[in-house]
Amino acid sequence: MKGDKIYNRLSVLREERGLSRKELADKVGVNFQTIGYLERGEYNPSLDLALDLCAVFGLPVELVFSRQPLRPLSEELHTLKQTP
């Protein structure tokens, strides 16, 4: 599976919180260009970076990153609400 694309919600989450790429990059200790590469799917994060990004947003990794295309968060939350 090495080299498989990792999908993410970084741009949506970043914009929702009013963060620039530079602000998010500063929070996790990377260059702002790295955030752009991640958002465009041109680069897969290391496990450490993925966990650091999730910590910034206060979300579990499976809501931020996936090996399959992600559904909109509103659909995810609706599904979670209906699961007992």
PDB file of N, CA and C in Angstrom:
ATOM      1  N   MET A   1       0.807  -1.204   0.000  1.00  0.00           N
ATOM      2  CA  MET A   1       0.000   0.000   0.000  1.00  0.00           C
ATOM      3  C   MET A   1       0.849   1.266   0.000  1.00  0.00           C
ATOM      4  N   LYS A   2       2.157   1.092   0.047  1.00  0.00           N
ATOM      5  CA  LYS A   2       3.024   2.265   0.050  1.00  0.00           C
ATOM      6  C   LYS A   2       2.765   3.096  -1.200  1.00  0.00           C
ATOM      7  N   GLY A   3       2.658   4.407  -1.024  1.00  0.00           N
ATOM      8  CA  GLY A   3       2.416   5.289  -2.141  1.00  0.00           C
ATOM      9  C   GLY A   3       0.950   5.533  -2.431  1.00  0.00           C
ATOM     10  N   ASP A   4       0.054   4.811  -1.727  1.00  0.00           N
ATOM     11  CA  ASP A   4      -1.368   5.050  -1.926  1.00  0.00           C
ATOM     12  C   ASP A   4      -1.729   6.452  -1.463  1.00  0.00           C
ATOM     13  N   LYS A   5      -2.684   7.025  -2.145  1.00  0.00           N
ATOM     14  CA  LYS A   5      -3.132   8.377  -1.801  1.00  0.00           C
ATOM     15  C   LYS A   5      -3.873   8.369  -0.467  1.00  0.00           C
ATOM     16  N   ILE A   6      -3.584   9.364   0.333  1.00  0.00           N
ATOM     17  CA  ILE A   6      -4.293   9.590   1.586  1.00  0.00           C
ATOM     18  C   ILE A   6      -5.170  10.823   1.387  1.00  0.00           C
ATOM     19  N   TYR A   7      -6.467  10.656   1.550  1.00  0.00           N
ATOM     20  CA  TYR A   7      -7.416  11.761   1.429  1.00  0.00           C
ATOM     21  C   TYR A   7      -7.520  12.470   2.771  1.00  0.00           C
ATOM     22  N   ASN A   8      -7.855  13.749   2.745  1.00  0.00           N
ATOM     23  CA  ASN A   8      -7.960  14.489   3.999  1.00  0.00           C
ATOM     24  C   ASN A   8      -8.963  15.631   3.880  1.00  0.00           C
ATOM     25  N   ARG A   9      -9.308  16.158   5.040  1.00  0.00           N
ATOM     26  CA  ARG A   9     -10.231  17.295   5.148  1.00  0.00           C
ATOM     27  C   ARG A   9      -9.518  18.547   5.649  1.00  0.00           C
ATOM     28  N   LEU A  10      -8.232  18.617   5.456  1.00  0.00           N
ATOM     29  CA  LEU A  10      -7.456  19.709   6.042  1.00  0.00           C
ATOM     30  C   LEU A  10      -7.926  21.084   5.597  1.00  0.00           C
ATOM     31  N   SER A  11      -8.166  21.272   4.308  1.00  0.00           N
ATOM     32  CA  SER A  11      -8.542  22.614   3.849  1.00  0.00           C
ATOM     33  C   SER A  11      -9.878  23.049   4.432  1.00  0.00           C
ATOM     34  N   VAL A  12     -10.830  22.122   4.504  1.00  0.00           N
ATOM     35  CA  VAL A  12     -12.143  22.447   5.074  1.00  0.00           C
ATOM     36  C   VAL A  12     -12.008  22.797   6.546  1.00  0.00           C
ATOM     37  N   LEU A  13     -11.271  21.989   7.286  1.00  0.00           N
ATOM     38  CA  LEU A  13     -11.104  22.221   8.719  1.00  0.00           C
ATOM     39  C   LEU A  13     -10.327  23.509   8.985  1.00  0.00           C
ATOM     40  N   ARG A  14      -9.300  23.741   8.193  1.00  0.00           N
ATOM     41  CA  ARG A  14      -8.493  24.952   8.356  1.00  0.00           C
ATOM     42  C   ARG A  14      -9.332  26.193   8.096  1.00  0.00           C
ATOM     43  N   GLU A  15     -10.066  26.182   7.000  1.00  0.00           N
ATOM     44  CA  GLU A  15     -10.896  27.339   6.649  1.00  0.00           C
ATOM     45  C   GLU A  15     -12.016  27.544   7.659  1.00  0.00           C
ATOM     46  N   GLU A  16     -12.598  26.446   8.130  1.00  0.00           N
ATOM     47  CA  GLU A  16     -13.667  26.528   9.123  1.00  0.00           C
ATOM     48  C   GLU A  16     -13.188  27.238  10.391  1.00  0.00           C
ATOM     49  N   ARG A  17     -11.933  27.045  10.728  1.00  0.00           N
ATOM     50  CA  ARG A  17     -11.378  27.655  11.942  1.00  0.00           C
ATOM     51  C   ARG A  17     -10.674  28.980  11.676  1.00  0.00           C
ATOM     52  N   GLY A  18     -10.711  29.421  10.430  1.00  0.00           N
ATOM     53  CA  GLY A  18     -10.111  30.705  10.088  1.00  0.00           C
ATOM     54  C   GLY A  18      -8.604  30.731  10.165  1.00  0.00           C
ATOM     55  N   LEU A  19      -7.979  29.597   9.900  1.00  0.00           N
ATOM     56  CA  LEU A  19      -6.518  29.515   9.939  1.00  0.00           C
ATOM     57  C   LEU A  19      -5.938  29.630   8.536  1.00  0.00           C
ATOM     58  N   SER A  20      -4.854  30.347   8.406  1.00  0.00           N
ATOM     59  CA  SER A  20      -4.125  30.358   7.135  1.00  0.00           C
ATOM     60  C   SER A  20      -3.251  29.103   7.092  1.00  0.00           C
ATOM     61  N   ARG A  21      -2.726  28.822   5.920  1.00  0.00           N
ATOM     62  CA  ARG A  21      -1.802  27.680   5.816  1.00  0.00           C
ATOM     63  C   ARG A  21      -0.589  27.905   6.711  1.00  0.00           C
ATOM     64  N   LYS A  22      -0.109  29.146   6.745  1.00  0.00           N
ATOM     65  CA  LYS A  22       1.056  29.454   7.578  1.00  0.00           C
ATOM     66  C   LYS A  22       0.750  29.259   9.058  1.00  0.00           C
ATOM     67  N   GLU A  23      -0.413  29.700   9.503  1.00  0.00           N
ATOM     68  CA  GLU A  23      -0.776  29.536  10.918  1.00  0.00           C
ATOM     69  C   GLU A  23      -0.853  28.059  11.292  1.00  0.00           C
ATOM     70  N   LEU A  24      -1.477  27.253  10.424  1.00  0.00           N
ATOM     71  CA  LEU A  24      -1.558  25.820  10.707  1.00  0.00           C
ATOM     72  C   LEU A  24      -0.164  25.198  10.685  1.00  0.00           C
ATOM     73  N   ALA A  25       0.637  25.579   9.714  1.00  0.00           N
ATOM     74  CA  ALA A  25       2.006  25.060   9.622  1.00  0.00           C
ATOM     75  C   ALA A  25       2.802  25.385  10.874  1.00  0.00           C
ATOM     76  N   ASP A  26       2.667  26.612  11.362  1.00  0.00           N
ATOM     77  CA  ASP A  26       3.391  27.019  12.574  1.00  0.00           C
ATOM     78  C   ASP A  26       2.962  26.185  13.778  1.00  0.00           C
ATOM     79  N   LYS A  27       1.685  25.839  13.847  1.00  0.00           N
ATOM     80  CA  LYS A  27       1.179  25.052  14.977  1.00  0.00           C
ATOM     81  C   LYS A  27       1.755  23.639  15.014  1.00  0.00           C
ATOM     82  N   VAL A  28       2.099  23.100  13.834  1.00  0.00           N
ATOM     83  CA  VAL A  28       2.608  21.719  13.782  1.00  0.00           C
ATOM     84  C   VAL A  28       4.083  21.647  13.401  1.00  0.00           C
ATOM     85  N   GLY A  29       4.724  22.795  13.220  1.00  0.00           N
ATOM     86  CA  GLY A  29       6.164  22.826  12.985  1.00  0.00           C
ATOM     87  C   GLY A  29       6.626  22.403  11.599  1.00  0.00           C
ATOM     88  N   VAL A  30       5.850  22.767  10.572  1.00  0.00           N
ATOM     89  CA  VAL A  30       6.263  22.492   9.197  1.00  0.00           C
ATOM     90  C   VAL A  30       6.196  23.773   8.375  1.00  0.00           C
ATOM     91  N   ASN A  31       6.708  23.728   7.160  1.00  0.00           N
ATOM     92  CA  ASN A  31       6.632  24.854   6.243  1.00  0.00           C
ATOM     93  C   ASN A  31       5.211  24.977   5.723  1.00  0.00           C
ATOM     94  N   PHE A  32       4.748  26.210   5.481  1.00  0.00           N
ATOM     95  CA  PHE A  32       3.380  26.403   5.006  1.00  0.00           C
ATOM     96  C   PHE A  32       3.124  25.696   3.679  1.00  0.00           C
ATOM     97  N   GLN A  33       4.182  25.522   2.862  1.00  0.00           N
ATOM     98  CA  GLN A  33       4.017  24.820   1.590  1.00  0.00           C
ATOM     99  C   GLN A  33       3.635  23.356   1.807  1.00  0.00           C
ATOM    100  N   THR A  34       4.096  22.772   2.892  1.00  0.00           N
ATOM    101  CA  THR A  34       3.750  21.389   3.217  1.00  0.00           C
ATOM    102  C   THR A  34       2.243  21.259   3.404  1.00  0.00           C
ATOM    103  N   ILE A  35       1.630  22.237   4.046  1.00  0.00           N
ATOM    104  CA  ILE A  35       0.175  22.207   4.238  1.00  0.00           C
ATOM    105  C   ILE A  35      -0.521  22.239   2.883  1.00  0.00           C
ATOM    106  N   GLY A  36      -0.045  23.058   1.971  1.00  0.00           N
ATOM    107  CA  GLY A  36      -0.606  23.108   0.621  1.00  0.00           C
ATOM    108  C   GLY A  36      -0.479  21.775  -0.097  1.00  0.00           C
ATOM    109  N   TYR A  37       0.689  21.141   0.005  1.00  0.00           N
ATOM    110  CA  TYR A  37       0.898  19.831  -0.621  1.00  0.00           C
ATOM    111  C   TYR A  37      -0.070  18.797  -0.041  1.00  0.00           C
ATOM    112  N   LEU A  38      -0.237  18.830   1.266  1.00  0.00           N
ATOM    113  CA  LEU A  38      -1.160  17.899   1.919  1.00  0.00           C
ATOM    114  C   LEU A  38      -2.594  18.133   1.448  1.00  0.00           C
ATOM    115  N   GLU A  39      -3.010  19.385   1.447  1.00  0.00           N
ATOM    116  CA  GLU A  39      -4.385  19.717   1.057  1.00  0.00           C
ATOM    117  C   GLU A  39      -4.689  19.293  -0.375  1.00  0.00           C
ATOM    118  N   ARG A  40      -3.710  19.405  -1.254  1.00  0.00           N
ATOM    119  CA  ARG A  40      -3.907  19.026  -2.655  1.00  0.00           C
ATOM    120  C   ARG A  40      -3.693  17.539  -2.903  1.00  0.00           C
ATOM    121  N   GLY A  41      -3.304  16.793  -1.870  1.00  0.00           N
ATOM    122  CA  GLY A  41      -3.069  15.366  -2.022  1.00  0.00           C
ATOM    123  C   GLY A  41      -1.775  15.034  -2.744  1.00  0.00           C
ATOM    124  N   GLU A  42      -0.842  15.970  -2.762  1.00  0.00           N
ATOM    125  CA  GLU A  42       0.442  15.759  -3.430  1.00  0.00           C
ATOM    126  C   GLU A  42       1.476  15.143  -2.496  1.00  0.00           C
ATOM    127  N   TYR A  43       1.133  15.015  -1.226  1.00  0.00           N
ATOM    128  CA  TYR A  43       2.066  14.531  -0.215  1.00  0.00           C
ATOM    129  C   TYR A  43       1.257  13.842   0.869  1.00  0.00           C
ATOM    130  N   ASN A  44       1.730  12.673   1.305  1.00  0.00           N
ATOM    131  CA  ASN A  44       1.099  11.974   2.422  1.00  0.00           C
ATOM    132  C   ASN A  44       1.862  12.300   3.699  1.00  0.00           C
ATOM    133  N   PRO A  45       1.157  12.607   4.774  1.00  0.00           N
ATOM    134  CA  PRO A  45       1.843  12.980   6.011  1.00  0.00           C
ATOM    135  C   PRO A  45       2.455  11.765   6.712  1.00  0.00           C
ATOM    136  N   SER A  46       3.488  12.038   7.489  1.00  0.00           N
ATOM    137  CA  SER A  46       4.001  11.009   8.390  1.00  0.00           C
ATOM    138  C   SER A  46       2.945  10.794   9.477  1.00  0.00           C
ATOM    139  N   LEU A  47       3.061   9.710  10.210  1.00  0.00           N
ATOM    140  CA  LEU A  47       2.124   9.468  11.303  1.00  0.00           C
ATOM    141  C   LEU A  47       2.196  10.584  12.334  1.00  0.00           C
ATOM    142  N   ASP A  48       3.401  11.019  12.669  1.00  0.00           N
ATOM    143  CA  ASP A  48       3.555  12.110  13.642  1.00  0.00           C
ATOM    144  C   ASP A  48       2.841  13.374  13.179  1.00  0.00           C
ATOM    145  N   LEU A  49       3.033  13.735  11.917  1.00  0.00           N
ATOM    146  CA  LEU A  49       2.408  14.950  11.395  1.00  0.00           C
ATOM    147  C   LEU A  49       0.892  14.806  11.366  1.00  0.00           C
ATOM    148  N   ALA A  50       0.400  13.653  10.946  1.00  0.00           N
ATOM    149  CA  ALA A  50      -1.050  13.430  10.914  1.00  0.00           C
ATOM    150  C   ALA A  50      -1.650  13.572  12.313  1.00  0.00           C
ATOM    151  N   LEU A  51      -0.996  12.991  13.303  1.00  0.00           N
ATOM    152  CA  LEU A  51      -1.502  13.077  14.678  1.00  0.00           C
ATOM    153  C   LEU A  51      -1.427  14.509  15.212  1.00  0.00           C
ATOM    154  N   ASP A  52      -0.358  15.224  14.867  1.00  0.00           N
ATOM    155  CA  ASP A  52      -0.242  16.626  15.294  1.00  0.00           C
ATOM    156  C   ASP A  52      -1.354  17.471  14.674  1.00  0.00           C
ATOM    157  N   LEU A  53      -1.631  17.257  13.392  1.00  0.00           N
ATOM    158  CA  LEU A  53      -2.706  18.000  12.729  1.00  0.00           C
ATOM    159  C   LEU A  53      -4.056  17.688  13.362  1.00  0.00           C
ATOM    160  N   CYS A  54      -4.304  16.438  13.649  1.00  0.00           N
ATOM    161  CA  CYS A  54      -5.568  16.056  14.287  1.00  0.00           C
ATOM    162  C   CYS A  54      -5.703  16.692  15.661  1.00  0.00           C
ATOM    163  N   ALA A  55      -4.604  16.792  16.384  1.00  0.00           N
ATOM    164  CA  ALA A  55      -4.628  17.416  17.714  1.00  0.00           C
ATOM    165  C   ALA A  55      -4.999  18.898  17.607  1.00  0.00           C
ATOM    166  N   VAL A  56      -4.507  19.579  16.581  1.00  0.00           N
ATOM    167  CA  VAL A  56      -4.849  20.995  16.385  1.00  0.00           C
ATOM    168  C   VAL A  56      -6.362  21.140  16.238  1.00  0.00           C
ATOM    169  N   PHE A  57      -6.973  20.239  15.489  1.00  0.00           N
ATOM    170  CA  PHE A  57      -8.413  20.323  15.236  1.00  0.00           C
ATOM    171  C   PHE A  57      -9.250  19.628  16.305  1.00  0.00           C
ATOM    172  N   GLY A  58      -8.598  18.883  17.194  1.00  0.00           N
ATOM    173  CA  GLY A  58      -9.333  18.181  18.246  1.00  0.00           C
ATOM    174  C   GLY A  58     -10.222  17.078  17.701  1.00  0.00           C
ATOM    175  N   LEU A  59      -9.768  16.426  16.641  1.00  0.00           N
ATOM    176  CA  LEU A  59     -10.558  15.380  16.003  1.00  0.00           C
ATOM    177  C   LEU A  59      -9.761  14.084  15.895  1.00  0.00           C
ATOM    178  N   PRO A  60     -10.449  12.940  15.898  1.00  0.00           N
ATOM    179  CA  PRO A  60      -9.752  11.676  15.698  1.00  0.00           C
ATOM    180  C   PRO A  60      -9.237  11.571  14.259  1.00  0.00           C
ATOM    181  N   VAL A  61      -8.178  10.831  14.089  1.00  0.00           N
ATOM    182  CA  VAL A  61      -7.526  10.718  12.788  1.00  0.00           C
ATOM    183  C   VAL A  61      -8.472  10.232  11.690  1.00  0.00           C
ATOM    184  N   GLU A  62      -9.417   9.367  12.016  1.00  0.00           N
ATOM    185  CA  GLU A  62     -10.312   8.828  10.977  1.00  0.00           C
ATOM    186  C   GLU A  62     -11.316   9.859  10.459  1.00  0.00           C
ATOM    187  N   LEU A  63     -11.488  10.974  11.149  1.00  0.00           N
ATOM    188  CA  LEU A  63     -12.344  12.046  10.630  1.00  0.00           C
ATOM    189  C   LEU A  63     -11.567  13.042   9.775  1.00  0.00           C
ATOM    190  N   VAL A  64     -10.233  12.965   9.835  1.00  0.00           N
ATOM    191  CA  VAL A  64      -9.399  13.902   9.089  1.00  0.00           C
ATOM    192  C   VAL A  64      -8.720  13.228   7.886  1.00  0.00           C
ATOM    193  N   PHE A  65      -8.305  11.977   8.035  1.00  0.00           N
ATOM    194  CA  PHE A  65      -7.568  11.263   6.993  1.00  0.00           C
ATOM    195  C   PHE A  65      -8.232   9.934   6.662  1.00  0.00           C
ATOM    196  N   SER A  66      -8.092   9.515   5.390  1.00  0.00           N
ATOM    197  CA  SER A  66      -8.662   8.235   4.964  1.00  0.00           C
ATOM    198  C   SER A  66      -7.963   7.745   3.706  1.00  0.00           C
ATOM    199  N   ARG A  67      -7.985   6.433   3.491  1.00  0.00           N
ATOM    200  CA  ARG A  67      -7.467   5.863   2.243  1.00  0.00           C
ATOM    201  C   ARG A  67      -8.510   5.922   1.133  1.00  0.00           C
ATOM    202  N   GLN A  68      -9.787   6.137   1.488  1.00  0.00           N
ATOM    203  CA  GLN A  68     -10.865   6.293   0.516  1.00  0.00           C
ATOM    204  C   GLN A  68     -11.319   7.752   0.515  1.00  0.00           C
ATOM    205  N   PRO A  69     -11.885   8.205  -0.607  1.00  0.00           N
ATOM    206  CA  PRO A  69     -12.410   9.575  -0.617  1.00  0.00           C
ATOM    207  C   PRO A  69     -13.380   9.787   0.544  1.00  0.00           C
ATOM    208  N   LEU A  70     -13.274  10.928   1.156  1.00  0.00           N
ATOM    209  CA  LEU A  70     -14.077  11.236   2.337  1.00  0.00           C
ATOM    210  C   LEU A  70     -15.432  11.816   1.957  1.00  0.00           C
ATOM    211  N   ARG A  71     -16.451  11.402   2.685  1.00  0.00           N
ATOM    212  CA  ARG A  71     -17.773  12.017   2.524  1.00  0.00           C
ATOM    213  C   ARG A  71     -17.764  13.359   3.246  1.00  0.00           C
ATOM    214  N   PRO A  72     -18.693  14.250   2.892  1.00  0.00           N
ATOM    215  CA  PRO A  72     -18.770  15.516   3.630  1.00  0.00           C
ATOM    216  C   PRO A  72     -18.967  15.257   5.126  1.00  0.00           C
ATOM    217  N   LEU A  73     -18.403  16.110   5.953  1.00  0.00           N
ATOM    218  CA  LEU A  73     -18.515  15.942   7.408  1.00  0.00           C
ATOM    219  C   LEU A  73     -19.961  15.886   7.867  1.00  0.00           C
ATOM    220  N   SER A  74     -20.842  16.634   7.209  1.00  0.00           N
ATOM    221  CA  SER A  74     -22.251  16.614   7.605  1.00  0.00           C
ATOM    222  C   SER A  74     -22.833  15.203   7.459  1.00  0.00           C
ATOM    223  N   GLU A  75     -22.439  14.477   6.415  1.00  0.00           N
ATOM    224  CA  GLU A  75     -22.896  13.089   6.243  1.00  0.00           C
ATOM    225  C   GLU A  75     -22.303  12.191   7.314  1.00  0.00           C
ATOM    226  N   GLU A  76     -21.025  12.380   7.609  1.00  0.00           N
ATOM    227  CA  GLU A  76     -20.363  11.577   8.646  1.00  0.00           C
ATOM    228  C   GLU A  76     -21.071  11.758   9.991  1.00  0.00           C
ATOM    229  N   LEU A  77     -21.350  13.006  10.345  1.00  0.00           N
ATOM    230  CA  LEU A  77     -21.983  13.283  11.628  1.00  0.00           C
ATOM    231  C   LEU A  77     -23.401  12.723  11.682  1.00  0.00           C
ATOM    232  N   HIS A  78     -24.108  12.814  10.571  1.00  0.00           N
ATOM    233  CA  HIS A  78     -25.469  12.270  10.509  1.00  0.00           C
ATOM    234  C   HIS A  78     -25.442  10.766  10.727  1.00  0.00           C
ATOM    235  N   THR A  79     -24.471  10.081  10.110  1.00  0.00           N
ATOM    236  CA  THR A  79     -24.331   8.634  10.282  1.00  0.00           C
ATOM    237  C   THR A  79     -23.999   8.286  11.715  1.00  0.00           C
ATOM    238  N   LEU A  80     -23.085   9.050  12.320  1.00  0.00           N
ATOM    239  CA  LEU A  80     -22.699   8.798  13.707  1.00  0.00           C
ATOM    240  C   LEU A  80     -23.865   8.965  14.667  1.00  0.00           C
ATOM    241  N   LYS A  81     -24.707   9.952  14.425  1.00  0.00           N
ATOM    242  CA  LYS A  81     -25.864  10.198  15.285  1.00  0.00           C
ATOM    243  C   LYS A  81     -26.844   9.015  15.255  1.00  0.00           C
ATOM    244  N   GLN A  82     -26.955   8.366  14.104  1.00  0.00           N
ATOM    245  CA  GLN A  82     -27.936   7.303  13.953  1.00  0.00           C
ATOM    246  C   GLN A  82     -27.422   5.952  14.414  1.00  0.00           C
ATOM    247  N   THR A  83     -26.118   5.834  14.684  1.00  0.00           N
ATOM    248  CA  THR A  83     -25.552   4.586  15.154  1.00  0.00           C
ATOM    249  C   THR A  83     -25.753   4.494  16.668  1.00  0.00           C
ATOM    250  N   PRO A  84     -26.409   3.406  17.142  1.00  0.00           N
ATOM    251  CA  PRO A  84     -26.634   3.299  18.595  1.00  0.00           C
ATOM    252  C   PRO A  84     -25.381   3.091  19.375  1.00  0.00           C
TER     253      PRO A  84
END
